[in-house]
Amino acid sequence: MRLLVSGGGTGGHIYPALALIEDLKKQDPDAEVLYVGTDRGLETKIVPAAGIKLKTLHIQGFKRSLSVDNLKTIYLFLKSVRESKKIIKEFRPDAVIGTGGYVCGAVVYAAAKLKIPTMIHEQNSVAGVTNKFLSHFVDKVGICFDDAKKAFPATKVVMTGNPRAQQVAQMQATGRLVSEYGLAANKKTVLIFGGSQGAPKINEASLQALEYFADKEYQVLFVTGQKRYDQIMADNRTQDLPANVFIVPYIADMPAILPELSLIVGRAGATSLAEITALGLPSILIPSPYVTADHQTKNAQSLVNKQAALMIREDDLNGETLAQTIDRLLQDEKQRKQMAQNAYQVGVRDASDRVLQVLTSIKK
């Protein structure tokens, strides 16, 4: 298969694409893949590092308020459509898939106009503007949450799950928490993680909670985010850490440590939830209120409704609520195991295979 993949801007659009490409290469070592992204997104580093050929477009998203800059956005979109058609004609893909971000708007639209089989993949429970637009032109729409169905033409929708889940589901515990971070091997472990850049409100609540964690039977691994680590470690509250609390700036290949955790506390991005449910991890979700259409809250609520996670809204987050919720869940073995089982039942562990099956079915 010759597959053209487009998606960019954030890891939530890129990592599912890379997981899909990895599975395709396993199934078909002779497959040819071209990735088209923006010229300034994370994909410019992540995609080449994965050994995948990348072409870039200069494009930007619409402003949500009336702005003269939107005229430039329209110009760049039309220009990118023309450039995408050239790329598509040169690469001659059997199918094109967009995994999100405004760059795939131009690429997938161009492919549809050239009568190339097309598919989009929506990772969140709330459909993005680009995917809503593209759904009128593509052959199929892959979704991860039932709530997203209503945003798309019903005959095109396929429940695929997130390809990242299939990648993570195959991971096994390797003892990294002990060998790399010095944690105890025989204690329950909770990970607190606000994203690669860190989340100020989660970091502050974690600092407030340090005194509550002291002398607990479990241990806490608190990931601050690279750019916030020095500030955290300069805070008076971290000068005399409890022996069961460990603070680090960043964890490379975070999914690899997930099988070793008893509980995870973090945001409710689509990729994170795919990883959590793939492994059946109990979680306390703190959705970011700063994302489009508050989609993280809706993502989290989809798990809460299935008793597969607990949720703390940022407005209710402080050291006491964080520590008490963690403490209650880690002390209640029955609830934690039931939550883990419910999360596992929600997970889709063959998502990449499902997406590839759809692409094969629409390939002409």
Foldseek 3Di string as FASTA:
>chain_A
DEEEEEEFADPQLVVLVVLLVVVVCVVPVPYAYEYEYAPPTPCVPVVVVSVHHYDYAHADDDDPDDDPVVVVRVVSLVVLLVVLLVVCVVSVGLEYEYRYDCSVLSNQVSCLVVVRAYEYEALFLDRDPSCLVCLVRHQAYEYADPSHCVSHDNVRYDDQHGSLLQVLLPADADCCCCVPFNADQPAAEEEEAADQQADVLSLQQQLQQQVVPAPDRHAYEYAGHQVCQVVSCVDPSNPDGHPRYTYHHDDPPVSNNVNSHQEYEYEQRSSVLLSCLSQLHEYEHEHDCPDPPSRRVVSVVSLVVLLLYHYDYSVRGHNVVVSVVVVVLVVPPVSRNVSSVSSNVSHDNCSSVRVVVVSVVRRD
